[in-house]
Amino acid sequence: MAVAFNVTGVEQGEWAVLRVSGELDLMTSPILRQRVHDVVAEGHHSLVVDLSDVFFCDSSGVGVLVAARRLIRSCQGRLRLILPDRGADDGSHVNRVLGALGVRRLFDVRPDVEAATADEAGPLSA
């Protein structure tokens, strides 16, 4: 049984949150790419991409994530990915793909929406 690809968006404080589910591949990655561009065009420069329900991601999906990072950085914005803690333990496909390609370190990865939308205080300066 095929699981439909879906991207839904919500706002949480100053953050736009895109929840992605299904397979992020050559056929579906243009949908996510367009949604990211739409969010930025609407003026949101703080973006969370929730990949908790993505069970397959190929190189085109990774390309969309890297392009989203580049776009957000060009706007002096912030991008965070949600890859739940359980992902590293149970061999999450997205974690494995990002790690194998050496790009996971490029992303600010959080375990859930609460952690992703929390604004930690920056270091105190004298």
PDB file of N, CA and C in Angstrom:
ATOM      1  N   MET A   1       0.841  -1.177   0.000  1.00  0.00           N
ATOM      2  CA  MET A   1       0.000   0.000   0.000  1.00  0.00           C
ATOM      3  C   MET A   1       0.894   1.251   0.000  1.00  0.00           C
ATOM      4  N   ALA A   2       0.715   2.102  -0.963  1.00  0.00           N
ATOM      5  CA  ALA A   2       1.515   3.317  -1.068  1.00  0.00           C
ATOM      6  C   ALA A   2       0.987   4.386  -0.106  1.00  0.00           C
ATOM      7  N   VAL A   3       1.931   5.101   0.498  1.00  0.00           N
ATOM      8  CA  VAL A   3       1.574   6.193   1.393  1.00  0.00           C
ATOM      9  C   VAL A   3       1.711   7.487   0.600  1.00  0.00           C
ATOM     10  N   ALA A   4       0.685   8.306   0.619  1.00  0.00           N
ATOM     11  CA  ALA A   4       0.693   9.550  -0.144  1.00  0.00           C
ATOM     12  C   ALA A   4       1.681  10.541   0.447  1.00  0.00           C
ATOM     13  N   PHE A   5       2.358  11.263  -0.428  1.00  0.00           N
ATOM     14  CA  PHE A   5       3.250  12.329   0.002  1.00  0.00           C
ATOM     15  C   PHE A   5       2.398  13.533   0.358  1.00  0.00           C
ATOM     16  N   ASN A   6       2.758  14.196   1.452  1.00  0.00           N
ATOM     17  CA  ASN A   6       1.978  15.342   1.887  1.00  0.00           C
ATOM     18  C   ASN A   6       2.887  16.347   2.581  1.00  0.00           C
ATOM     19  N   VAL A   7       2.627  17.629   2.352  1.00  0.00           N
ATOM     20  CA  VAL A   7       3.306  18.704   3.061  1.00  0.00           C
ATOM     21  C   VAL A   7       2.229  19.633   3.587  1.00  0.00           C
ATOM     22  N   THR A   8       2.188  19.799   4.900  1.00  0.00           N
ATOM     23  CA  THR A   8       1.242  20.728   5.498  1.00  0.00           C
ATOM     24  C   THR A   8       2.024  21.795   6.239  1.00  0.00           C
ATOM     25  N   GLY A   9       1.465  22.975   6.271  1.00  0.00           N
ATOM     26  CA  GLY A   9       2.150  24.083   6.914  1.00  0.00           C
ATOM     27  C   GLY A   9       1.319  24.701   8.021  1.00  0.00           C
ATOM     28  N   VAL A  10       2.009  25.084   9.089  1.00  0.00           N
ATOM     29  CA  VAL A  10       1.389  25.812  10.195  1.00  0.00           C
ATOM     30  C   VAL A  10       2.387  26.859  10.662  1.00  0.00           C
ATOM     31  N   GLU A  11       1.867  27.842  11.371  1.00  0.00           N
ATOM     32  CA  GLU A  11       2.742  28.835  11.991  1.00  0.00           C
ATOM     33  C   GLU A  11       2.763  28.572  13.483  1.00  0.00           C
ATOM     34  N   GLN A  12       3.950  28.645  14.047  1.00  0.00           N
ATOM     35  CA  GLN A  12       4.094  28.493  15.491  1.00  0.00           C
ATOM     36  C   GLN A  12       5.009  29.619  15.955  1.00  0.00           C
ATOM     37  N   GLY A  13       4.374  30.664  16.485  1.00  0.00           N
ATOM     38  CA  GLY A  13       5.133  31.863  16.844  1.00  0.00           C
ATOM     39  C   GLY A  13       5.703  32.484  15.580  1.00  0.00           C
ATOM     40  N   GLU A  14       6.984  32.772  15.614  1.00  0.00           N
ATOM     41  CA  GLU A  14       7.622  33.368  14.440  1.00  0.00           C
ATOM     42  C   GLU A  14       8.083  32.320  13.435  1.00  0.00           C
ATOM     43  N   TRP A  15       7.863  31.060  13.737  1.00  0.00           N
ATOM     44  CA  TRP A  15       8.328  29.965  12.891  1.00  0.00           C
ATOM     45  C   TRP A  15       7.227  29.463  11.959  1.00  0.00           C
ATOM     46  N   ALA A  16       7.585  29.202  10.719  1.00  0.00           N
ATOM     47  CA  ALA A  16       6.727  28.462   9.804  1.00  0.00           C
ATOM     48  C   ALA A  16       7.178  27.012   9.900  1.00  0.00           C
ATOM     49  N   VAL A  17       6.228  26.113  10.081  1.00  0.00           N
ATOM     50  CA  VAL A  17       6.549  24.691  10.227  1.00  0.00           C
ATOM     51  C   VAL A  17       5.923  23.933   9.060  1.00  0.00           C
ATOM     52  N   LEU A  18       6.768  23.235   8.288  1.00  0.00           N
ATOM     53  CA  LEU A  18       6.289  22.376   7.212  1.00  0.00           C
ATOM     54  C   LEU A  18       6.440  20.932   7.675  1.00  0.00           C
ATOM     55  N   ARG A  19       5.313  20.237   7.773  1.00  0.00           N
ATOM     56  CA  ARG A  19       5.328  18.824   8.166  1.00  0.00           C
ATOM     57  C   ARG A  19       5.248  17.987   6.893  1.00  0.00           C
ATOM     58  N   VAL A  20       6.246  17.145   6.730  1.00  0.00           N
ATOM     59  CA  VAL A  20       6.373  16.354   5.514  1.00  0.00           C
ATOM     60  C   VAL A  20       6.131  14.890   5.855  1.00  0.00           C
ATOM     61  N   SER A  21       5.369  14.197   5.009  1.00  0.00           N
ATOM     62  CA  SER A  21       5.142  12.767   5.232  1.00  0.00           C
ATOM     63  C   SER A  21       5.189  12.020   3.901  1.00  0.00           C
ATOM     64  N   GLY A  22       5.574  10.760   3.995  1.00  0.00           N
ATOM     65  CA  GLY A  22       5.649   9.920   2.805  1.00  0.00           C
ATOM     66  C   GLY A  22       7.073   9.790   2.298  1.00  0.00           C
ATOM     67  N   GLU A  23       7.217   9.619   0.989  1.00  0.00           N
ATOM     68  CA  GLU A  23       8.516   9.464   0.353  1.00  0.00           C
ATOM     69  C   GLU A  23       8.957  10.787  -0.258  1.00  0.00           C
ATOM     70  N   LEU A  24      10.151  11.222   0.087  1.00  0.00           N
ATOM     71  CA  LEU A  24      10.729  12.446  -0.468  1.00  0.00           C
ATOM     72  C   LEU A  24      11.712  12.013  -1.545  1.00  0.00           C
ATOM     73  N   ASP A  25      11.232  12.021  -2.790  1.00  0.00           N
ATOM     74  CA  ASP A  25      12.026  11.486  -3.893  1.00  0.00           C
ATOM     75  C   ASP A  25      11.910  12.366  -5.134  1.00  0.00           C
ATOM     76  N   LEU A  26      12.372  11.853  -6.246  1.00  0.00           N
ATOM     77  CA  LEU A  26      12.391  12.613  -7.492  1.00  0.00           C
ATOM     78  C   LEU A  26      11.007  13.138  -7.888  1.00  0.00           C
ATOM     79  N   MET A  27       9.984  12.370  -7.609  1.00  0.00           N
ATOM     80  CA  MET A  27       8.628  12.770  -7.992  1.00  0.00           C
ATOM     81  C   MET A  27       8.024  13.782  -7.016  1.00  0.00           C
ATOM     82  N   THR A  28       8.391  13.705  -5.745  1.00  0.00           N
ATOM     83  CA  THR A  28       7.733  14.539  -4.737  1.00  0.00           C
ATOM     84  C   THR A  28       8.567  15.733  -4.277  1.00  0.00           C
ATOM     85  N   SER A  29       9.880  15.685  -4.473  1.00  0.00           N
ATOM     86  CA  SER A  29      10.726  16.770  -3.970  1.00  0.00           C
ATOM     87  C   SER A  29      10.374  18.139  -4.560  1.00  0.00           C
ATOM     88  N   PRO A  30       9.906  18.234  -5.826  1.00  0.00           N
ATOM     89  CA  PRO A  30       9.504  19.561  -6.321  1.00  0.00           C
ATOM     90  C   PRO A  30       8.356  20.183  -5.510  1.00  0.00           C
ATOM     91  N   ILE A  31       7.514  19.348  -4.923  1.00  0.00           N
ATOM     92  CA  ILE A  31       6.417  19.863  -4.100  1.00  0.00           C
ATOM     93  C   ILE A  31       6.979  20.546  -2.863  1.00  0.00           C
ATOM     94  N   LEU A  32       7.925  19.881  -2.192  1.00  0.00           N
ATOM     95  CA  LEU A  32       8.535  20.484  -1.009  1.00  0.00           C
ATOM     96  C   LEU A  32       9.317  21.730  -1.387  1.00  0.00           C
ATOM     97  N   ARG A  33      10.050  21.680  -2.494  1.00  0.00           N
ATOM     98  CA  ARG A  33      10.806  22.846  -2.945  1.00  0.00           C
ATOM     99  C   ARG A  33       9.869  24.046  -3.129  1.00  0.00           C
ATOM    100  N   GLN A  34       8.731  23.834  -3.767  1.00  0.00           N
ATOM    101  CA  GLN A  34       7.779  24.924  -3.996  1.00  0.00           C
ATOM    102  C   GLN A  34       7.205  25.448  -2.694  1.00  0.00           C
ATOM    103  N   ARG A  35       6.891  24.546  -1.767  1.00  0.00           N
ATOM    104  CA  ARG A  35       6.340  24.982  -0.473  1.00  0.00           C
ATOM    105  C   ARG A  35       7.349  25.831   0.292  1.00  0.00           C
ATOM    106  N   VAL A  36       8.639  25.445   0.251  1.00  0.00           N
ATOM    107  CA  VAL A  36       9.677  26.242   0.909  1.00  0.00           C
ATOM    108  C   VAL A  36       9.742  27.622   0.279  1.00  0.00           C
ATOM    109  N   HIS A  37       9.734  27.686  -1.054  1.00  0.00           N
ATOM    110  CA  HIS A  37       9.770  28.980  -1.741  1.00  0.00           C
ATOM    111  C   HIS A  37       8.545  29.820  -1.406  1.00  0.00           C
ATOM    112  N   ASP A  38       7.381  29.182  -1.312  1.00  0.00           N
ATOM    113  CA  ASP A  38       6.156  29.908  -0.959  1.00  0.00           C
ATOM    114  C   ASP A  38       6.249  30.508   0.440  1.00  0.00           C
ATOM    115  N   VAL A  39       6.764  29.729   1.381  1.00  0.00           N
ATOM    116  CA  VAL A  39       6.906  30.203   2.762  1.00  0.00           C
ATOM    117  C   VAL A  39       7.817  31.422   2.814  1.00  0.00           C
ATOM    118  N   VAL A  40       8.944  31.356   2.107  1.00  0.00           N
ATOM    119  CA  VAL A  40       9.888  32.481   2.087  1.00  0.00           C
ATOM    120  C   VAL A  40       9.259  33.687   1.393  1.00  0.00           C
ATOM    121  N   ALA A  41       8.544  33.448   0.306  1.00  0.00           N
ATOM    122  CA  ALA A  41       7.885  34.544  -0.417  1.00  0.00           C
ATOM    123  C   ALA A  41       6.831  35.229   0.455  1.00  0.00           C
ATOM    124  N   GLU A  42       6.251  34.487   1.389  1.00  0.00           N
ATOM    125  CA  GLU A  42       5.266  35.057   2.314  1.00  0.00           C
ATOM    126  C   GLU A  42       5.931  35.844   3.433  1.00  0.00           C
ATOM    127  N   GLY A  43       7.261  35.859   3.444  1.00  0.00           N
ATOM    128  CA  GLY A  43       7.991  36.657   4.416  1.00  0.00           C
ATOM    129  C   GLY A  43       8.500  35.903   5.635  1.00  0.00           C
ATOM    130  N   HIS A  44       8.359  34.591   5.642  1.00  0.00           N
ATOM    131  CA  HIS A  44       8.859  33.790   6.767  1.00  0.00           C
ATOM    132  C   HIS A  44      10.316  33.430   6.514  1.00  0.00           C
ATOM    133  N   HIS A  45      11.170  33.794   7.450  1.00  0.00           N
ATOM    134  CA  HIS A  45      12.588  33.463   7.315  1.00  0.00           C
ATOM    135  C   HIS A  45      13.062  32.567   8.439  1.00  0.00           C
ATOM    136  N   SER A  46      12.137  32.098   9.248  1.00  0.00           N
ATOM    137  CA  SER A  46      12.417  31.096  10.278  1.00  0.00           C
ATOM    138  C   SER A  46      11.559  29.891   9.926  1.00  0.00           C
ATOM    139  N   LEU A  47      12.228  28.819   9.475  1.00  0.00           N
ATOM    140  CA  LEU A  47      11.517  27.668   8.929  1.00  0.00           C
ATOM    141  C   LEU A  47      11.956  26.385   9.609  1.00  0.00           C
ATOM    142  N   VAL A  48      10.968  25.573   9.966  1.00  0.00           N
ATOM    143  CA  VAL A  48      11.191  24.227  10.480  1.00  0.00           C
ATOM    144  C   VAL A  48      10.628  23.259   9.450  1.00  0.00           C
ATOM    145  N   VAL A  49      11.421  22.263   9.079  1.00  0.00           N
ATOM    146  CA  VAL A  49      10.939  21.197   8.206  1.00  0.00           C
ATOM    147  C   VAL A  49      10.914  19.927   9.042  1.00  0.00           C
ATOM    148  N   ASP A  50       9.710  19.455   9.316  1.00  0.00           N
ATOM    149  CA  ASP A  50       9.496  18.278  10.147  1.00  0.00           C
ATOM    150  C   ASP A  50       9.511  17.037   9.257  1.00  0.00           C
ATOM    151  N   LEU A  51      10.580  16.257   9.387  1.00  0.00           N
ATOM    152  CA  LEU A  51      10.763  15.050   8.573  1.00  0.00           C
ATOM    153  C   LEU A  51      10.437  13.778   9.350  1.00  0.00           C
ATOM    154  N   SER A  52       9.728  13.922  10.460  1.00  0.00           N
ATOM    155  CA  SER A  52       9.409  12.780  11.326  1.00  0.00           C
ATOM    156  C   SER A  52       8.682  11.666  10.592  1.00  0.00           C
ATOM    157  N   ASP A  53       7.830  12.016   9.643  1.00  0.00           N
ATOM    158  CA  ASP A  53       7.013  11.023   8.955  1.00  0.00           C
ATOM    159  C   ASP A  53       7.489  10.733   7.538  1.00  0.00           C
ATOM    160  N   VAL A  54       8.746  11.076   7.244  1.00  0.00           N
ATOM    161  CA  VAL A  54       9.341  10.735   5.943  1.00  0.00           C
ATOM    162  C   VAL A  54      10.080   9.415   6.132  1.00  0.00           C
ATOM    163  N   PHE A  55       9.660   8.392   5.383  1.00  0.00           N
ATOM    164  CA  PHE A  55      10.279   7.082   5.560  1.00  0.00           C
ATOM    165  C   PHE A  55      11.244   6.734   4.445  1.00  0.00           C
ATOM    166  N   PHE A  56      11.351   7.601   3.422  1.00  0.00           N
ATOM    167  CA  PHE A  56      12.314   7.393   2.346  1.00  0.00           C
ATOM    168  C   PHE A  56      12.726   8.755   1.809  1.00  0.00           C
ATOM    169  N   CYS A  57      14.024   8.932   1.582  1.00  0.00           N
ATOM    170  CA  CYS A  57      14.535  10.180   1.035  1.00  0.00           C
ATOM    171  C   CYS A  57      15.686   9.838   0.099  1.00  0.00           C
ATOM    172  N   ASP A  58      15.579  10.252  -1.162  1.00  0.00           N
ATOM    173  CA  ASP A  58      16.675  10.014  -2.089  1.00  0.00           C
ATOM    174  C   ASP A  58      17.478  11.294  -2.287  1.00  0.00           C
ATOM    175  N   SER A  59      18.419  11.271  -3.222  1.00  0.00           N
ATOM    176  CA  SER A  59      19.311  12.412  -3.413  1.00  0.00           C
ATOM    177  C   SER A  59      18.575  13.672  -3.840  1.00  0.00           C
ATOM    178  N   SER A  60      17.460  13.533  -4.550  1.00  0.00           N
ATOM    179  CA  SER A  60      16.704  14.736  -4.933  1.00  0.00           C
ATOM    180  C   SER A  60      16.064  15.374  -3.710  1.00  0.00           C
ATOM    181  N   GLY A  61      15.633  14.571  -2.760  1.00  0.00           N
ATOM    182  CA  GLY A  61      15.106  15.102  -1.501  1.00  0.00           C
ATOM    183  C   GLY A  61      16.183  15.818  -0.716  1.00  0.00           C
ATOM    184  N   VAL A  62      17.371  15.218  -0.652  1.00  0.00           N
ATOM    185  CA  VAL A  62      18.494  15.863   0.025  1.00  0.00           C
ATOM    186  C   VAL A  62      18.822  17.181  -0.673  1.00  0.00           C
ATOM    187  N   GLY A  63      18.767  17.176  -1.982  1.00  0.00           N
ATOM    188  CA  GLY A  63      19.032  18.398  -2.750  1.00  0.00           C
ATOM    189  C   GLY A  63      18.070  19.518  -2.396  1.00  0.00           C
ATOM    190  N   VAL A  64      16.811  19.179  -2.182  1.00  0.00           N
ATOM    191  CA  VAL A  64      15.822  20.178  -1.784  1.00  0.00           C
ATOM    192  C   VAL A  64      16.156  20.736  -0.403  1.00  0.00           C
ATOM    193  N   LEU A  65      16.571  19.882   0.506  1.00  0.00           N
ATOM    194  CA  LEU A  65      16.924  20.344   1.854  1.00  0.00           C
ATOM    195  C   LEU A  65      18.146  21.255   1.813  1.00  0.00           C
ATOM    196  N   VAL A  66      19.137  20.907   1.017  1.00  0.00           N
ATOM    197  CA  VAL A  66      20.335  21.740   0.895  1.00  0.00           C
ATOM    198  C   VAL A  66      19.980  23.076   0.233  1.00  0.00           C
ATOM    199  N   ALA A  67      19.126  23.029  -0.779  1.00  0.00           N
ATOM    200  CA  ALA A  67      18.693  24.268  -1.444  1.00  0.00           C
ATOM    201  C   ALA A  67      17.878  25.140  -0.494  1.00  0.00           C
ATOM    202  N   ALA A  68      17.056  24.518   0.348  1.00  0.00           N
ATOM    203  CA  ALA A  68      16.277  25.276   1.334  1.00  0.00           C
ATOM    204  C   ALA A  68      17.217  25.966   2.311  1.00  0.00           C
ATOM    205  N   ARG A  69      18.249  25.266   2.726  1.00  0.00           N
ATOM    206  CA  ARG A  69      19.248  25.855   3.629  1.00  0.00           C
ATOM    207  C   ARG A  69      19.899  27.079   2.978  1.00  0.00           C
ATOM    208  N   ARG A  70      20.278  26.929   1.715  1.00  0.00           N
ATOM    209  CA  ARG A  70      20.911  28.031   0.985  1.00  0.00           C
ATOM    210  C   ARG A  70      19.956  29.227   0.864  1.00  0.00           C
ATOM    211  N   LEU A  71      18.701  28.961   0.529  1.00  0.00           N
ATOM    212  CA  LEU A  71      17.709  30.028   0.384  1.00  0.00           C
ATOM    213  C   LEU A  71      17.490  30.764   1.702  1.00  0.00           C
ATOM    214  N   ILE A  72      17.293  30.028   2.772  1.00  0.00           N
ATOM    215  CA  ILE A  72      17.052  30.642   4.080  1.00  0.00           C
ATOM    216  C   ILE A  72      18.269  31.443   4.528  1.00  0.00           C
ATOM    217  N   ARG A  73      19.457  30.905   4.309  1.00  0.00           N
ATOM    218  CA  ARG A  73      20.676  31.635   4.686  1.00  0.00           C
ATOM    219  C   ARG A  73      20.811  32.925   3.886  1.00  0.00           C
ATOM    220  N   SER A  74      20.386  32.913   2.626  1.00  0.00           N
ATOM    221  CA  SER A  74      20.475  34.121   1.803  1.00  0.00           C
ATOM    222  C   SER A  74      19.548  35.223   2.325  1.00  0.00           C
ATOM    223  N   CYS A  75      18.549  34.837   3.091  1.00  0.00           N
ATOM    224  CA  CYS A  75      17.611  35.790   3.698  1.00  0.00           C
ATOM    225  C   CYS A  75      17.977  36.091   5.151  1.00  0.00           C
ATOM    226  N   GLN A  76      19.152  35.656   5.584  1.00  0.00           N
ATOM    227  CA  GLN A  76      19.581  35.764   6.981  1.00  0.00           C
ATOM    228  C   GLN A  76      18.562  35.118   7.915  1.00  0.00           C
ATOM    229  N   GLY A  77      17.975  34.033   7.445  1.00  0.00           N
ATOM    230  CA  GLY A  77      16.972  33.331   8.236  1.00  0.00           C
ATOM    231  C   GLY A  77      17.543  32.125   8.951  1.00  0.00           C
ATOM    232  N   ARG A  78      16.632  31.328   9.504  1.00  0.00           N
ATOM    233  CA  ARG A  78      16.995  30.133  10.256  1.00  0.00           C
ATOM    234  C   ARG A  78      16.205  28.942   9.737  1.00  0.00           C
ATOM    235  N   LEU A  79      16.905  27.822   9.545  1.00  0.00           N
ATOM    236  CA  LEU A  79      16.272  26.582   9.123  1.00  0.00           C
ATOM    237  C   LEU A  79      16.611  25.502  10.138  1.00  0.00           C
ATOM    238  N   ARG A  80      15.600  24.798  10.581  1.00  0.00           N
ATOM    239  CA  ARG A  80      15.790  23.668  11.482  1.00  0.00           C
ATOM    240  C   ARG A  80      15.047  22.466  10.926  1.00  0.00           C
ATOM    241  N   LEU A  81      15.674  21.305  11.034  1.00  0.00           N
ATOM    242  CA  LEU A  81      15.042  20.054  10.631  1.00  0.00           C
ATOM    243  C   LEU A  81      14.648  19.277  11.870  1.00  0.00           C
ATOM    244  N   ILE A  82      13.512  18.594  11.786  1.00  0.00           N
ATOM    245  CA  ILE A  82      13.120  17.693  12.864  1.00  0.00           C
ATOM    246  C   ILE A  82      13.399  16.269  12.404  1.00  0.00           C
ATOM    247  N   LEU A  83      14.335  15.648  13.108  1.00  0.00           N
ATOM    248  CA  LEU A  83      14.632  14.232  12.974  1.00  0.00           C
ATOM    249  C   LEU A  83      14.599  13.713  14.400  1.00  0.00           C
ATOM    250  N   PRO A  84      13.529  13.042  14.790  1.00  0.00           N
ATOM    251  CA  PRO A  84      13.355  12.644  16.194  1.00  0.00           C
ATOM    252  C   PRO A  84      14.533  11.844  16.725  1.00  0.00           C
ATOM    253  N   ASP A  85      14.749  11.930  18.029  1.00  0.00           N
ATOM    254  CA  ASP A  85      15.820  11.179  18.677  1.00  0.00           C
ATOM    255  C   ASP A  85      15.762   9.704  18.309  1.00  0.00           C
ATOM    256  N   ARG A  86      14.561   9.188  18.213  1.00  0.00           N
ATOM    257  CA  ARG A  86      14.418   7.771  17.894  1.00  0.00           C
ATOM    258  C   ARG A  86      15.023   7.447  16.539  1.00  0.00           C
ATOM    259  N   GLY A  87      15.109   8.452  15.659  1.00  0.00           N
ATOM    260  CA  GLY A  87      15.645   8.232  14.318  1.00  0.00           C
ATOM    261  C   GLY A  87      17.073   7.744  14.340  1.00  0.00           C
ATOM    262  N   ALA A  88      17.907   8.332  15.175  1.00  0.00           N
ATOM    263  CA  ALA A  88      19.304   7.915  15.235  1.00  0.00           C
ATOM    264  C   ALA A  88      19.411   6.509  15.810  1.00  0.00           C
ATOM    265  N   ASP A  89      18.496   6.150  16.718  1.00  0.00           N
ATOM    266  CA  ASP A  89      18.553   4.849  17.375  1.00  0.00           C
ATOM    267  C   ASP A  89      17.986   3.729  16.507  1.00  0.00           C
ATOM    268  N   ASP A  90      16.906   4.019  15.787  1.00  0.00           N
ATOM    269  CA  ASP A  90      16.271   2.933  15.043  1.00  0.00           C
ATOM    270  C   ASP A  90      16.685   2.913  13.576  1.00  0.00           C
ATOM    271  N   GLY A  91      17.694   3.694  13.221  1.00  0.00           N
ATOM    272  CA  GLY A  91      18.175   3.667  11.853  1.00  0.00           C
ATOM    273  C   GLY A  91      17.277   4.426  10.904  1.00  0.00           C
ATOM    274  N   SER A  92      16.738   5.558  11.343  1.00  0.00           N
ATOM    275  CA  SER A  92      15.886   6.379  10.497  1.00  0.00           C
ATOM    276  C   SER A  92      16.519   6.559   9.115  1.00  0.00           C
ATOM    277  N   HIS A  93      15.739   6.339   8.101  1.00  0.00           N
ATOM    278  CA  HIS A  93      16.246   6.431   6.736  1.00  0.00           C
ATOM    279  C   HIS A  93      16.795   7.824   6.436  1.00  0.00           C
ATOM    280  N   VAL A  94      16.075   8.870   6.818  1.00  0.00           N
ATOM    281  CA  VAL A  94      16.527  10.229   6.527  1.00  0.00           C
ATOM    282  C   VAL A  94      17.841  10.510   7.251  1.00  0.00           C
ATOM    283  N   ASN A  95      17.950  10.099   8.514  1.00  0.00           N
ATOM    284  CA  ASN A  95      19.205  10.258   9.251  1.00  0.00           C
ATOM    285  C   ASN A  95      20.348   9.547   8.540  1.00  0.00           C
ATOM    286  N   ARG A  96      20.101   8.322   8.112  1.00  0.00           N
ATOM    287  CA  ARG A  96      21.149   7.537   7.439  1.00  0.00           C
ATOM    288  C   ARG A  96      21.574   8.198   6.138  1.00  0.00           C
ATOM    289  N   VAL A  97      20.620   8.676   5.359  1.00  0.00           N
ATOM    290  CA  VAL A  97      20.953   9.293   4.074  1.00  0.00           C
ATOM    291  C   VAL A  97      21.744  10.581   4.285  1.00  0.00           C
ATOM    292  N   LEU A  98      21.272  11.447   5.170  1.00  0.00           N
ATOM    293  CA  LEU A  98      21.985  12.700   5.423  1.00  0.00           C
ATOM    294  C   LEU A  98      23.382  12.423   5.977  1.00  0.00           C
ATOM    295  N   GLY A  99      23.494  11.440   6.865  1.00  0.00           N
ATOM    296  CA  GLY A  99      24.792  11.087   7.426  1.00  0.00           C
ATOM    297  C   GLY A  99      25.725  10.494   6.384  1.00  0.00           C
ATOM    298  N   ALA A 100      25.206   9.591   5.563  1.00  0.00           N
ATOM    299  CA  ALA A 100      26.027   8.934   4.545  1.00  0.00           C
ATOM    300  C   ALA A 100      26.560   9.933   3.525  1.00  0.00           C
ATOM    301  N   LEU A 101      25.772  10.944   3.226  1.00  0.00           N
ATOM    302  CA  LEU A 101      26.203  11.952   2.257  1.00  0.00           C
ATOM    303  C   LEU A 101      27.052  13.046   2.900  1.00  0.00           C
ATOM    304  N   GLY A 102      27.179  13.000   4.218  1.00  0.00           N
ATOM    305  CA  GLY A 102      28.008  13.972   4.920  1.00  0.00           C
ATOM    306  C   GLY A 102      27.399  15.351   5.030  1.00  0.00           C
ATOM    307  N   VAL A 103      26.079  15.451   4.920  1.00  0.00           N
ATOM    308  CA  VAL A 103      25.431  16.765   4.975  1.00  0.00           C
ATOM    309  C   VAL A 103      24.614  16.984   6.243  1.00  0.00           C
ATOM    310  N   ARG A 104      24.476  15.969   7.076  1.00  0.00           N
ATOM    311  CA  ARG A 104      23.670  16.147   8.293  1.00  0.00           C
ATOM    312  C   ARG A 104      24.232  17.261   9.162  1.00  0.00           C
ATOM    313  N   ARG A 105      25.548  17.386   9.200  1.00  0.00           N
ATOM    314  CA  ARG A 105      26.206  18.410  10.016  1.00  0.00           C
ATOM    315  C   ARG A 105      25.887  19.830   9.546  1.00  0.00           C
ATOM    316  N   LEU A 106      25.379  19.968   8.324  1.00  0.00           N
ATOM    317  CA  LEU A 106      25.029  21.292   7.804  1.00  0.00           C
ATOM    318  C   LEU A 106      23.742  21.841   8.416  1.00  0.00           C
ATOM    319  N   PHE A 107      22.965  20.961   9.015  1.00  0.00           N
ATOM    320  CA  PHE A 107      21.638  21.331   9.484  1.00  0.00           C
ATOM    321  C   PHE A 107      21.555  21.407  11.000  1.00  0.00           C
ATOM    322  N   ASP A 108      20.698  22.306  11.452  1.00  0.00           N
ATOM    323  CA  ASP A 108      20.352  22.408  12.861  1.00  0.00           C
ATOM    324  C   ASP A 108      19.215  21.409  13.074  1.00  0.00           C
ATOM    325  N   VAL A 109      19.536  20.265  13.665  1.00  0.00           N
ATOM    326  CA  VAL A 109      18.573  19.172  13.812  1.00  0.00           C
ATOM    327  C   VAL A 109      18.029  19.156  15.231  1.00  0.00           C
ATOM    328  N   ARG A 110      16.713  19.057  15.340  1.00  0.00           N
ATOM    329  CA  ARG A 110      16.018  19.029  16.626  1.00  0.00           C
ATOM    330  C   ARG A 110      15.142  17.781  16.677  1.00  0.00           C
ATOM    331  N   PRO A 111      14.780  17.324  17.886  1.00  0.00           N
ATOM    332  CA  PRO A 111      13.992  16.095  18.013  1.00  0.00           C
ATOM    333  C   PRO A 111      12.487  16.263  17.816  1.00  0.00           C
ATOM    334  N   ASP A 112      11.957  17.480  18.018  1.00  0.00           N
ATOM    335  CA  ASP A 112      10.513  17.678  17.900  1.00  0.00           C
ATOM    336  C   ASP A 112      10.208  19.164  17.644  1.00  0.00           C
ATOM    337  N   VAL A 113       8.932  19.443  17.404  1.00  0.00           N
ATOM    338  CA  VAL A 113       8.521  20.807  17.073  1.00  0.00           C
ATOM    339  C   VAL A 113       8.797  21.764  18.226  1.00  0.00           C
ATOM    340  N   GLU A 114       8.537  21.323  19.439  1.00  0.00           N
ATOM    341  CA  GLU A 114       8.783  22.207  20.592  1.00  0.00           C
ATOM    342  C   GLU A 114      10.238  22.638  20.655  1.00  0.00           C
ATOM    343  N   ALA A 115      11.144  21.687  20.492  1.00  0.00           N
ATOM    344  CA  ALA A 115      12.573  22.011  20.538  1.00  0.00           C
ATOM    345  C   ALA A 115      12.978  22.856  19.329  1.00  0.00           C
ATOM    346  N   ALA A 116      12.357  22.604  18.190  1.00  0.00           N
ATOM    347  CA  ALA A 116      12.723  23.330  16.973  1.00  0.00           C
ATOM    348  C   ALA A 116      12.259  24.780  16.997  1.00  0.00           C
ATOM    349  N   THR A 117      11.160  25.044  17.668  1.00  0.00           N
ATOM    350  CA  THR A 117      10.634  26.412  17.673  1.00  0.00           C
ATOM    351  C   THR A 117      11.016  27.181  18.926  1.00  0.00           C
ATOM    352  N   ALA A 118      11.769  26.545  19.803  1.00  0.00           N
ATOM    353  CA  ALA A 118      12.238  27.228  21.006  1.00  0.00           C
ATOM    354  C   ALA A 118      13.419  28.115  20.641  1.00  0.00           C
ATOM    355  N   ASP A 119      13.416  29.312  21.154  1.00  0.00           N
ATOM    356  CA  ASP A 119      14.529  30.214  20.922  1.00  0.00           C
ATOM    357  C   ASP A 119      15.395  30.241  22.154  1.00  0.00           C
ATOM    358  N   GLU A 120      16.518  29.548  22.060  1.00  0.00           N
ATOM    359  CA  GLU A 120      17.443  29.542  23.181  1.00  0.00           C
ATOM    360  C   GLU A 120      18.101  30.906  23.271  1.00  0.00           C
ATOM    361  N   ALA A 121      18.396  31.297  24.458  1.00  0.00           N
ATOM    362  CA  ALA A 121      19.106  32.558  24.644  1.00  0.00           C
ATOM    363  C   ALA A 121      20.515  32.384  24.114  1.00  0.00           C
ATOM    364  N   GLY A 122      21.002  33.400  23.437  1.00  0.00           N
ATOM    365  CA  GLY A 122      22.364  33.369  22.924  1.00  0.00           C
ATOM    366  C   GLY A 122      23.347  33.553  24.065  1.00  0.00           C
ATOM    367  N   PRO A 123      24.620  33.392  23.779  1.00  0.00           N
ATOM    368  CA  PRO A 123      25.609  33.553  24.842  1.00  0.00           C
ATOM    369  C   PRO A 123      25.606  34.980  25.370  1.00  0.00           C
ATOM    370  N   LEU A 124      25.809  35.104  26.663  1.00  0.00           N
ATOM    371  CA  LEU A 124      25.862  36.431  27.280  1.00  0.00           C
ATOM    372  C   LEU A 124      27.211  37.071  26.975  1.00  0.00           C
ATOM    373  N   SER A 125      27.170  38.327  26.614  1.00  0.00           N
ATOM    374  CA  SER A 125      28.425  39.035  26.354  1.00  0.00           C
ATOM    375  C   SER A 125      28.651  40.076  27.431  1.00  0.00           C
ATOM    376  N   ALA A 126      29.905  40.332  27.721  1.00  0.00           N
ATOM    377  CA  ALA A 126      30.249  41.292  28.781  1.00  0.00           C
ATOM    378  C   ALA A 126      30.145  42.701  28.289  1.00  0.00           C
TER     379      ALA A 126
END
